Amino acid sequence: MAAITVRNLSDETHRGLRLRAAQHGRSTEAEVRAILDAAVRPAEPINLADALLAIGRDVGGLEIDIPRDEPALRPSLFDWS
C-alpha cells in the first residue's frame, strides 16, 4: 500500500476532517482514505465496449482485418447405426 503525507493542512480543515470522521464512526485517517477513494472512483462503472467505441470515434474509426479460418467449434457428428 502506498502512503502519502499532506503538509500545511489548515487547522480548520483538520477540525472539519475530525468532525466528519466522528460522524461516520471512523478515524481521521480512514475518513481521508474514504474521501480520496470517492474522489477518484468513476461516478458509474466504465463499460469497456463503450470506451473502445469512443476511442475509435476519436481517431476517426478503425479498419481491422480479422482472418477467418474454420469455425472454432464444429458440431459433433454421431454414428447411430
N, C-alpha and C. Protein backbone atom coordinates (compact mmCIF):
# COMPACT_ATOMS: atom_id res chain seq x y z
N MET A 1 0.83 -1.18 0.00
CA MET A 1 0.00 0.00 0.00
C MET A 1 0.88 1.25 0.00
N ALA A 2 0.46 2.21 -0.75
CA ALA A 2 1.17 3.48 -0.81
C ALA A 2 0.78 4.35 0.37
N ALA A 3 1.64 5.27 0.70
CA ALA A 3 1.37 6.22 1.78
C ALA A 3 1.72 7.62 1.28
N ILE A 4 0.95 8.60 1.71
CA ILE A 4 1.26 10.00 1.37
C ILE A 4 1.22 10.83 2.64
N THR A 5 1.89 11.96 2.59
CA THR A 5 1.87 12.92 3.68
C THR A 5 1.32 14.22 3.13
N VAL A 6 0.36 14.80 3.83
CA VAL A 6 -0.21 16.09 3.42
C VAL A 6 0.32 17.13 4.37
N ARG A 7 1.10 18.05 3.83
CA ARG A 7 1.69 19.10 4.65
C ARG A 7 0.85 20.37 4.56
N ASN A 8 1.01 21.21 5.55
CA ASN A 8 0.40 22.54 5.60
C ASN A 8 -1.13 22.50 5.50
N LEU A 9 -1.74 21.53 6.14
CA LEU A 9 -3.19 21.43 6.20
C LEU A 9 -3.67 22.45 7.24
N SER A 10 -4.63 23.25 6.88
CA SER A 10 -5.09 24.29 7.83
C SER A 10 -5.77 23.63 9.03
N ASP A 11 -5.72 24.34 10.17
CA ASP A 11 -6.38 23.84 11.38
C ASP A 11 -7.88 23.66 11.14
N GLU A 12 -8.47 24.56 10.38
CA GLU A 12 -9.90 24.48 10.09
C GLU A 12 -10.23 23.20 9.29
N THR A 13 -9.41 22.91 8.30
CA THR A 13 -9.63 21.70 7.50
C THR A 13 -9.44 20.46 8.36
N HIS A 14 -8.43 20.46 9.21
CA HIS A 14 -8.18 19.31 10.07
C HIS A 14 -9.34 19.10 11.04
N ARG A 15 -9.85 20.18 11.61
CA ARG A 15 -11.02 20.07 12.51
C ARG A 15 -12.22 19.51 11.74
N GLY A 16 -12.42 20.00 10.52
CA GLY A 16 -13.53 19.51 9.70
C GLY A 16 -13.40 18.03 9.40
N LEU A 17 -12.19 17.59 9.11
CA LEU A 17 -11.95 16.17 8.86
C LEU A 17 -12.22 15.33 10.10
N ARG A 18 -11.77 15.82 11.26
CA ARG A 18 -12.01 15.08 12.51
C ARG A 18 -13.51 14.98 12.80
N LEU A 19 -14.24 16.07 12.58
CA LEU A 19 -15.69 16.08 12.81
C LEU A 19 -16.39 15.12 11.86
N ARG A 20 -16.02 15.19 10.59
CA ARG A 20 -16.63 14.31 9.58
C ARG A 20 -16.33 12.84 9.90
N ALA A 21 -15.09 12.56 10.32
CA ALA A 21 -14.72 11.20 10.68
C ALA A 21 -15.56 10.71 11.85
N ALA A 22 -15.76 11.55 12.85
CA ALA A 22 -16.55 11.17 14.02
C ALA A 22 -18.00 10.89 13.61
N GLN A 23 -18.53 11.68 12.70
CA GLN A 23 -19.90 11.48 12.23
C GLN A 23 -20.05 10.14 11.52
N HIS A 24 -18.98 9.69 10.86
CA HIS A 24 -19.02 8.42 10.14
C HIS A 24 -18.48 7.26 10.98
N GLY A 25 -18.09 7.54 12.21
CA GLY A 25 -17.61 6.48 13.10
C GLY A 25 -16.29 5.88 12.70
N ARG A 26 -15.39 6.69 12.19
CA ARG A 26 -14.08 6.17 11.80
C ARG A 26 -12.99 7.17 12.17
N SER A 27 -11.75 6.74 12.05
CA SER A 27 -10.62 7.62 12.37
C SER A 27 -10.48 8.69 11.28
N THR A 28 -9.74 9.74 11.63
CA THR A 28 -9.49 10.80 10.65
C THR A 28 -8.77 10.24 9.44
N GLU A 29 -7.81 9.36 9.66
CA GLU A 29 -7.08 8.76 8.55
C GLU A 29 -8.00 7.93 7.65
N ALA A 30 -8.89 7.15 8.26
CA ALA A 30 -9.85 6.36 7.48
C ALA A 30 -10.79 7.28 6.71
N GLU A 31 -11.17 8.39 7.31
CA GLU A 31 -12.05 9.35 6.62
C GLU A 31 -11.35 9.95 5.41
N VAL A 32 -10.09 10.31 5.55
CA VAL A 32 -9.33 10.86 4.42
C VAL A 32 -9.23 9.82 3.30
N ARG A 33 -9.00 8.55 3.66
CA ARG A 33 -8.96 7.49 2.64
C ARG A 33 -10.30 7.39 1.91
N ALA A 34 -11.40 7.44 2.67
CA ALA A 34 -12.72 7.35 2.06
C ALA A 34 -12.97 8.52 1.11
N ILE A 35 -12.57 9.72 1.51
CA ILE A 35 -12.75 10.90 0.67
C ILE A 35 -11.94 10.76 -0.61
N LEU A 36 -10.69 10.34 -0.49
CA LEU A 36 -9.83 10.18 -1.67
C LEU A 36 -10.35 9.07 -2.59
N ASP A 37 -10.79 7.96 -2.01
CA ASP A 37 -11.35 6.86 -2.82
C ASP A 37 -12.55 7.35 -3.62
N ALA A 38 -13.45 8.09 -2.96
CA ALA A 38 -14.64 8.59 -3.64
C ALA A 38 -14.29 9.60 -4.73
N ALA A 39 -13.22 10.38 -4.50
CA ALA A 39 -12.84 11.41 -5.46
C ALA A 39 -12.30 10.83 -6.77
N VAL A 40 -11.67 9.67 -6.71
CA VAL A 40 -11.06 9.11 -7.92
C VAL A 40 -11.88 7.98 -8.53
N ARG A 41 -12.93 7.53 -7.85
CA ARG A 41 -13.79 6.47 -8.37
C ARG A 41 -14.73 7.07 -9.42
N PRO A 42 -14.90 6.40 -10.56
CA PRO A 42 -15.84 6.93 -11.55
C PRO A 42 -17.26 6.97 -11.00
N ALA A 43 -18.05 7.94 -11.47
CA ALA A 43 -19.42 8.09 -10.99
C ALA A 43 -20.25 6.85 -11.30
N GLU A 44 -19.98 6.21 -12.41
CA GLU A 44 -20.67 4.98 -12.78
C GLU A 44 -19.65 4.03 -13.37
N PRO A 45 -19.94 2.73 -13.34
CA PRO A 45 -18.98 1.77 -13.87
C PRO A 45 -18.65 2.05 -15.34
N ILE A 46 -17.41 1.80 -15.69
CA ILE A 46 -16.97 2.02 -17.06
C ILE A 46 -17.32 0.78 -17.88
N ASN A 47 -18.00 0.99 -19.00
CA ASN A 47 -18.34 -0.09 -19.91
C ASN A 47 -17.23 -0.17 -20.95
N LEU A 48 -16.50 -1.28 -20.99
CA LEU A 48 -15.35 -1.42 -21.87
C LEU A 48 -15.73 -1.23 -23.33
N ALA A 49 -16.85 -1.79 -23.75
CA ALA A 49 -17.27 -1.66 -25.15
C ALA A 49 -17.51 -0.20 -25.51
N ASP A 50 -18.19 0.53 -24.62
CA ASP A 50 -18.45 1.96 -24.88
C ASP A 50 -17.14 2.74 -24.93
N ALA A 51 -16.20 2.42 -24.04
CA ALA A 51 -14.92 3.11 -24.02
C ALA A 51 -14.15 2.87 -25.33
N LEU A 52 -14.15 1.63 -25.80
CA LEU A 52 -13.45 1.32 -27.05
C LEU A 52 -14.11 2.00 -28.24
N LEU A 53 -15.45 2.04 -28.26
CA LEU A 53 -16.15 2.75 -29.33
C LEU A 53 -15.80 4.24 -29.34
N ALA A 54 -15.72 4.83 -28.15
CA ALA A 54 -15.37 6.25 -28.05
C ALA A 54 -13.96 6.51 -28.57
N ILE A 55 -13.03 5.62 -28.24
CA ILE A 55 -11.65 5.76 -28.73
C ILE A 55 -11.64 5.67 -30.25
N GLY A 56 -12.38 4.71 -30.81
CA GLY A 56 -12.45 4.56 -32.26
C GLY A 56 -13.01 5.81 -32.93
N ARG A 57 -14.06 6.39 -32.33
CA ARG A 57 -14.63 7.62 -32.88
C ARG A 57 -13.63 8.77 -32.82
N ASP A 58 -12.89 8.86 -31.71
CA ASP A 58 -11.92 9.94 -31.52
C ASP A 58 -10.81 9.92 -32.57
N VAL A 59 -10.44 8.74 -33.03
CA VAL A 59 -9.35 8.63 -34.02
C VAL A 59 -9.89 8.52 -35.44
N GLY A 60 -11.18 8.67 -35.63
CA GLY A 60 -11.75 8.64 -36.97
C GLY A 60 -12.10 7.25 -37.46
N GLY A 61 -12.20 6.31 -36.58
CA GLY A 61 -12.57 4.95 -36.96
C GLY A 61 -11.36 4.06 -37.19
N LEU A 62 -11.60 2.80 -37.20
CA LEU A 62 -10.54 1.81 -37.40
C LEU A 62 -11.01 0.75 -38.37
N GLU A 63 -10.10 0.24 -39.17
CA GLU A 63 -10.39 -0.91 -40.01
C GLU A 63 -9.49 -2.03 -39.56
N ILE A 64 -10.11 -3.12 -39.21
CA ILE A 64 -9.36 -4.27 -38.72
C ILE A 64 -9.69 -5.46 -39.60
N ASP A 65 -8.66 -6.08 -40.14
CA ASP A 65 -8.85 -7.27 -40.96
C ASP A 65 -8.58 -8.48 -40.08
N ILE A 66 -9.63 -9.22 -39.80
CA ILE A 66 -9.50 -10.40 -38.95
C ILE A 66 -9.63 -11.62 -39.84
N PRO A 67 -8.54 -12.37 -39.99
CA PRO A 67 -8.63 -13.56 -40.84
C PRO A 67 -9.56 -14.59 -40.21
N ARG A 68 -10.41 -15.17 -41.03
CA ARG A 68 -11.38 -16.16 -40.55
C ARG A 68 -11.04 -17.50 -41.17
N ASP A 69 -10.66 -18.42 -40.34
CA ASP A 69 -10.42 -19.78 -40.80
C ASP A 69 -11.70 -20.57 -40.58
N GLU A 70 -11.53 -21.81 -40.28
CA GLU A 70 -12.68 -22.63 -39.97
C GLU A 70 -13.27 -22.17 -38.64
N PRO A 71 -14.56 -22.42 -38.45
CA PRO A 71 -15.16 -22.07 -37.16
C PRO A 71 -14.42 -22.77 -36.03
N ALA A 72 -14.32 -22.11 -34.91
CA ALA A 72 -13.62 -22.69 -33.76
C ALA A 72 -14.33 -23.93 -33.24
N LEU A 73 -15.65 -23.94 -33.35
CA LEU A 73 -16.41 -25.09 -32.86
C LEU A 73 -17.11 -25.76 -34.04
N ARG A 74 -17.04 -27.05 -34.07
CA ARG A 74 -17.75 -27.81 -35.11
C ARG A 74 -18.78 -28.68 -34.42
N PRO A 75 -19.93 -28.87 -35.06
CA PRO A 75 -20.93 -29.74 -34.45
C PRO A 75 -20.40 -31.17 -34.36
N SER A 76 -20.78 -31.84 -33.31
CA SER A 76 -20.41 -33.25 -33.14
C SER A 76 -21.26 -34.11 -34.08
N LEU A 77 -20.63 -35.06 -34.69
CA LEU A 77 -21.34 -36.00 -35.56
C LEU A 77 -21.34 -37.36 -34.87
N PHE A 78 -22.52 -37.93 -34.74
CA PHE A 78 -22.64 -39.22 -34.09
C PHE A 78 -23.12 -40.26 -35.11
N ASP A 79 -22.53 -41.41 -35.03
CA ASP A 79 -22.96 -42.51 -35.89
C ASP A 79 -23.89 -43.38 -35.05
N TRP A 80 -25.19 -43.30 -35.33
CA TRP A 80 -26.19 -44.02 -34.54
C TRP A 80 -26.49 -45.43 -35.10
N SER A 81 -25.71 -45.89 -36.04
CA SER A 81 -26.00 -47.21 -36.60
C SER A 81 -25.53 -48.34 -35.74
